[in-house]
C-alpha atoms as a PDB file:
ATOM      1  CA  MET A   1       0.040  -0.126   0.196  1.00  0.00           C
ATOM      2  CA  ALA A   2       2.724   2.399   0.723  1.00  0.00           C
ATOM      3  CA  ALA A   3       4.216   1.817  -2.754  1.00  0.00           C
ATOM      4  CA  VAL A   4       0.882   2.846  -4.336  1.00  0.00           C
ATOM      5  CA  GLU A   5       0.663   6.054  -1.868  1.00  0.00           C
ATOM      6  CA  ASP A   6       4.374   6.963  -2.990  1.00  0.00           C
ATOM      7  CA  LEU A   7       3.563   6.673  -6.726  1.00  0.00           C
ATOM      8  CA  THR A   8       0.544   8.662  -6.365  1.00  0.00           C
ATOM      9  CA  PHE A   9       2.468  11.401  -4.376  1.00  0.00           C
ATOM     10  CA  THR A  10       5.427  11.348  -6.994  1.00  0.00           C
ATOM     11  CA  ASN A  11       3.080  11.811  -9.828  1.00  0.00           C
ATOM     12  CA  LEU A  12       1.192  14.538  -8.164  1.00  0.00           C
ATOM     13  CA  THR A  13       4.512  16.310  -7.430  1.00  0.00           C
ATOM     14  CA  ASN A  14       5.790  15.735 -11.003  1.00  0.00           C
ATOM     15  CA  LEU A  15       2.657  17.144 -12.269  1.00  0.00           C
ATOM     16  CA  LEU A  16       2.737  20.412  -9.941  1.00  0.00           C
ATOM     17  CA  ASN A  17       6.180  20.771 -10.906  1.00  0.00           C
ATOM     18  CA  GLN A  18       5.506  21.005 -14.658  1.00  0.00           C
ATOM     19  CA  GLY A  19       2.696  23.500 -13.861  1.00  0.00           C
ATOM     20  CA  ASP A  20       5.127  25.613 -11.873  1.00  0.00           C
ATOM     21  CA  ALA A  21       7.461  25.462 -14.829  1.00  0.00           C
ATOM     22  CA  LEU A  22       4.911  26.589 -17.343  1.00  0.00           C
ATOM     23  CA  LEU A  23       3.693  29.252 -14.893  1.00  0.00           C
ATOM     24  CA  LYS A  24       7.298  30.487 -14.451  1.00  0.00           C
ATOM     25  CA  ALA A  25       7.552  30.810 -18.385  1.00  0.00           C
ATOM     26  CA  PHE A  26       4.718  33.051 -18.612  1.00  0.00           C
ATOM     27  CA  THR A  27       5.252  35.203 -15.401  1.00  0.00           C
ATOM     28  CA  PRO A  28       5.577  38.836 -16.271  1.00  0.00           C
ATOM     29  CA  PHE A  29       8.728  40.825 -15.617  1.00  0.00           C
ATOM     30  CA  THR A  30       9.089  42.773 -12.488  1.00  0.00           C
ATOM     31  CA  LYS A  31       9.347  46.610 -12.551  1.00  0.00           C
ATOM     32  CA  GLU A  32      13.113  46.197 -11.690  1.00  0.00           C
ATOM     33  CA  ASN A  33      13.591  44.569 -14.966  1.00  0.00           C
ATOM     34  CA  MET A  34      11.764  46.943 -17.119  1.00  0.00           C
ATOM     35  CA  SER A  35      13.498  50.068 -19.028  1.00  0.00           C
ATOM     36  CA  SER A  36      13.003  53.421 -17.582  1.00  0.00           C
ATOM     37  CA  GLU A  37      10.650  54.396 -20.567  1.00  0.00           C
ATOM     38  CA  ASP A  38       8.377  51.460 -19.751  1.00  0.00           C
ATOM     39  CA  ARG A  39       8.189  51.695 -15.860  1.00  0.00           C
ATOM     40  CA  GLY A  40       5.218  54.158 -16.006  1.00  0.00           C
ATOM     41  CA  ALA A  41       3.240  51.905 -18.367  1.00  0.00           C
ATOM     42  CA  LEU A  42       0.254  49.876 -17.220  1.00  0.00           C
ATOM     43  CA  SER A  43      -0.153  46.265 -17.275  1.00  0.00           C
ATOM     44  CA  PRO A  44      -3.232  45.153 -18.996  1.00  0.00           C
ATOM     45  CA  PRO A  45      -5.099  42.232 -18.062  1.00  0.00           C
ATOM     46  CA  VAL A  46      -4.189  39.082 -19.947  1.00  0.00           C
ATOM     47  CA  ASP A  47      -5.345  35.480 -20.556  1.00  0.00           C
ATOM     48  CA  ILE A  48      -2.858  32.773 -21.796  1.00  0.00           C
ATOM     49  CA  VAL A  49      -4.412  29.730 -23.179  1.00  0.00           C
ATOM     50  CA  SER A  50      -2.252  26.552 -24.050  1.00  0.00           C
ATOM     51  CA  THR A  51      -3.638  24.251 -26.734  1.00  0.00           C
ATOM     52  CA  PRO A  52      -2.041  21.141 -28.024  1.00  0.00           C
ATOM     53  CA  LYS A  53      -1.087  23.270 -31.190  1.00  0.00           C
ATOM     54  CA  GLU A  54      -0.419  26.994 -29.922  1.00  0.00           C
ATOM     55  CA  TYR A  55      -0.251  29.513 -26.987  1.00  0.00           C
ATOM     56  CA  ILE A  56      -2.949  32.139 -27.285  1.00  0.00           C
ATOM     57  CA  PHE A  57      -2.657  35.355 -25.570  1.00  0.00           C
ATOM     58  CA  TYR A  58      -5.828  37.663 -25.100  1.00  0.00           C
ATOM     59  CA  VAL A  59      -4.928  41.148 -23.999  1.00  0.00           C
ATOM     60  CA  ASP A  60      -7.396  43.884 -23.221  1.00  0.00           C
ATOM     61  CA  ILE A  61      -6.409  47.126 -24.923  1.00  0.00           C
ATOM     62  CA  PRO A  62      -9.549  49.316 -25.164  1.00  0.00           C
ATOM     63  CA  GLY A  63      -9.025  52.491 -26.945  1.00  0.00           C
ATOM     64  CA  HIS A  64      -5.835  51.740 -28.750  1.00  0.00           C
ATOM     65  CA  SER A  65      -5.802  51.750 -32.360  1.00  0.00           C
ATOM     66  CA  LYS A  66      -3.717  48.904 -34.306  1.00  0.00           C
ATOM     67  CA  SER A  67      -1.182  51.345 -35.424  1.00  0.00           C
ATOM     68  CA  ASP A  68      -0.327  52.161 -31.917  1.00  0.00           C
ATOM     69  CA  ILE A  69       0.302  48.778 -30.838  1.00  0.00           C
ATOM     70  CA  GLN A  70       3.599  46.935 -31.076  1.00  0.00           C
ATOM     71  CA  VAL A  71       4.126  43.175 -30.635  1.00  0.00           C
ATOM     72  CA  GLN A  72       7.836  42.146 -30.629  1.00  0.00           C
ATOM     73  CA  LEU A  73      10.272  39.286 -29.707  1.00  0.00           C
ATOM     74  CA  GLU A  74      13.334  40.251 -27.790  1.00  0.00           C
ATOM     75  CA  ASP A  75      16.091  38.129 -26.877  1.00  0.00           C
ATOM     76  CA  ASP A  76      14.652  35.094 -29.049  1.00  0.00           C
ATOM     77  CA  ASN A  77      12.183  34.196 -26.310  1.00  0.00           C
ATOM     78  CA  ILE A  78      10.575  37.357 -24.825  1.00  0.00           C
ATOM     79  CA  LEU A  79       7.233  38.463 -26.228  1.00  0.00           C
ATOM     80  CA  VAL A  80       6.642  42.106 -25.711  1.00  0.00           C
ATOM     81  CA  ILE A  81       3.337  44.117 -26.100  1.00  0.00           C
ATOM     82  CA  ARG A  82       3.428  47.843 -26.120  1.00  0.00           C
ATOM     83  CA  SER A  83       1.256  50.792 -26.992  1.00  0.00           C
ATOM     84  CA  SER A  84       2.058  54.379 -26.694  1.00  0.00           C
ATOM     85  CA  GLY A  85      -1.700  55.255 -25.580  1.00  0.00           C
ATOM     86  CA  LYS A  86      -2.014  58.605 -27.254  1.00  0.00           C
ATOM     87  CA  ARG A  87      -5.481  60.177 -27.198  1.00  0.00           C
ATOM     88  CA  LYS A  88      -6.857  60.471 -30.655  1.00  0.00           C
ATOM     89  CA  ARG A  89      -9.273  63.520 -31.481  1.00  0.00           C
ATOM     90  CA  GLU A  90     -12.844  62.343 -32.030  1.00  0.00           C
ATOM     91  CA  GLU A  91     -14.187  62.349 -35.669  1.00  0.00           C
ATOM     92  CA  GLY A  92     -16.157  65.547 -36.130  1.00  0.00           C
ATOM     93  CA  GLU A  93     -14.252  67.625 -33.564  1.00  0.00           C
ATOM     94  CA  GLN A  94     -13.056  70.941 -34.719  1.00  0.00           C
ATOM     95  CA  GLU A  95     -10.196  73.065 -33.867  1.00  0.00           C
ATOM     96  CA  GLY A  96     -10.671  75.304 -30.926  1.00  0.00           C
ATOM     97  CA  CYS A  97     -13.195  73.111 -29.312  1.00  0.00           C
ATOM     98  CA  LYS A  98     -12.957  72.274 -25.723  1.00  0.00           C
ATOM     99  CA  TYR A  99     -14.223  69.435 -23.442  1.00  0.00           C
ATOM    100  CA  LEU A 100     -16.703  70.437 -20.913  1.00  0.00           C
ATOM    101  CA  LYS A 101     -16.608  66.931 -19.141  1.00  0.00           C
ATOM    102  CA  LEU A 102     -14.089  63.979 -19.363  1.00  0.00           C
ATOM    103  CA  GLU A 103     -15.334  60.726 -17.943  1.00  0.00           C
ATOM    104  CA  ARG A 104     -13.971  58.355 -20.540  1.00  0.00           C
ATOM    105  CA  ARG A 105     -10.375  57.199 -19.545  1.00  0.00           C
ATOM    106  CA  SER A 106      -7.945  57.892 -22.258  1.00  0.00           C
ATOM    107  CA  PRO A 107      -5.809  54.979 -23.634  1.00  0.00           C
ATOM    108  CA  GLN A 108      -2.883  54.687 -21.364  1.00  0.00           C
ATOM    109  CA  LYS A 109       0.677  53.596 -22.345  1.00  0.00           C
ATOM    110  CA  ILE A 110       0.839  49.806 -21.686  1.00  0.00           C
ATOM    111  CA  MET A 111       3.451  47.161 -21.750  1.00  0.00           C
ATOM    112  CA  ARG A 112       3.525  43.476 -20.947  1.00  0.00           C
ATOM    113  CA  ARG A 113       6.521  41.158 -21.200  1.00  0.00           C
ATOM    114  CA  PHE A 114       6.387  37.325 -21.155  1.00  0.00           C
ATOM    115  CA  ARG A 115       8.977  34.674 -21.387  1.00  0.00           C
ATOM    116  CA  LEU A 116       7.956  32.022 -23.832  1.00  0.00           C
ATOM    117  CA  PRO A 117       8.503  28.407 -23.102  1.00  0.00           C
ATOM    118  CA  GLU A 118      10.916  26.212 -25.071  1.00  0.00           C
ATOM    119  CA  ASP A 119       8.387  24.652 -27.146  1.00  0.00           C
ATOM    120  CA  ALA A 120       7.208  28.100 -28.533  1.00  0.00           C
ATOM    121  CA  ASN A 121       7.937  28.545 -32.234  1.00  0.00           C
ATOM    122  CA  VAL A 122       9.130  32.132 -32.337  1.00  0.00           C
ATOM    123  CA  ALA A 123       9.136  32.095 -36.019  1.00  0.00           C
ATOM    124  CA  ALA A 124       5.473  31.556 -36.082  1.00  0.00           C
ATOM    125  CA  ILE A 125       3.838  34.347 -34.282  1.00  0.00           C
ATOM    126  CA  SER A 126       0.602  36.264 -35.416  1.00  0.00           C
ATOM    127  CA  ALA A 127      -1.289  39.155 -33.807  1.00  0.00           C
ATOM    128  CA  LYS A 128      -4.836  40.573 -34.657  1.00  0.00           C
ATOM    129  CA  CYS A 129      -6.779  43.282 -32.872  1.00  0.00           C
ATOM    130  CA  GLU A 130     -10.594  43.353 -32.600  1.00  0.00           C
ATOM    131  CA  ASP A 131     -13.259  45.148 -30.518  1.00  0.00           C
ATOM    132  CA  GLY A 132     -10.303  46.240 -27.994  1.00  0.00           C
ATOM    133  CA  VAL A 133      -8.952  42.833 -27.451  1.00  0.00           C
ATOM    134  CA  LEU A 134      -5.375  41.998 -28.867  1.00  0.00           C
ATOM    135  CA  THR A 135      -4.890  38.234 -29.844  1.00  0.00           C
ATOM    136  CA  VAL A 136      -1.586  36.965 -30.176  1.00  0.00           C
ATOM    137  CA  THR A 137      -0.887  33.388 -31.177  1.00  0.00           C
ATOM    138  CA  VAL A 138       2.317  31.597 -30.977  1.00  0.00           C
ATOM    139  CA  ASP A 139       2.501  28.087 -32.470  1.00  0.00           C
ATOM    140  CA  LYS A 140       4.112  25.132 -30.487  1.00  0.00           C
ATOM    141  CA  ILE A 141       7.005  23.364 -31.993  1.00  0.00           C
ATOM    142  CA  PRO A 142       5.720  19.699 -32.244  1.00  0.00           C
ATOM    143  CA  PRO A 143       7.417  17.115 -29.922  1.00  0.00           C
ATOM    144  CA  ALA A 144      10.076  15.104 -31.547  1.00  0.00           C
ATOM    145  CA  LYS A 145       9.087  11.559 -32.634  1.00  0.00           C
ATOM    146  CA  PRO A 146      11.298   8.797 -31.109  1.00  0.00           C
ATOM    147  CA  LYS A 147      13.184   7.286 -33.696  1.00  0.00           C
ATOM    148  CA  THR A 148      13.345   3.585 -34.018  1.00  0.00           C
ATOM    149  CA  ILE A 149      16.450   1.760 -35.445  1.00  0.00           C
ATOM    150  CA  GLU A 150      16.213  -1.811 -36.092  1.00  0.00           C
ATOM    151  CA  VAL A 151      19.396  -3.607 -35.492  1.00  0.00           C
ATOM    152  CA  ALA A 152      20.196  -6.814 -37.563  1.00  0.00           C
ATOM    153  CA  ILE A 153      21.104  -9.951 -35.456  1.00  0.00           C
ATOM    154  CA  HIS A 154      23.778 -12.021 -36.838  1.00  0.00           C
END
């Protein structure tokens, strides 16, 4: 009975350790690791989904236009998402007008960094922005198939 309990505990421990490794890979960087220009940036909420074929990042960035958003790869495995957060004039506004009340929050400068796991295919990253949500997809490198070599018996 002790062997069964040890085996179950070992499997559970291995599973937790693998989850910790994956979580560490996606843990955002701390303020100390950021450049001085990025320190004032907000960290927008993000959901990260791992599917069998890809990692998908969903980032809330309301009020930012596609042209203001930058998705970059640094140091071969660090995914960086930035936006300048400049307020655009509303269509129909004329020069010389002034706001009487401002309740809508203006877009802020944002920045998020994620260390990608080893199985991320950094050559296959795509991004799209719709309805205030940036979706970044990073394909996974398929696991290597084990090779079988047949040895002749003499």
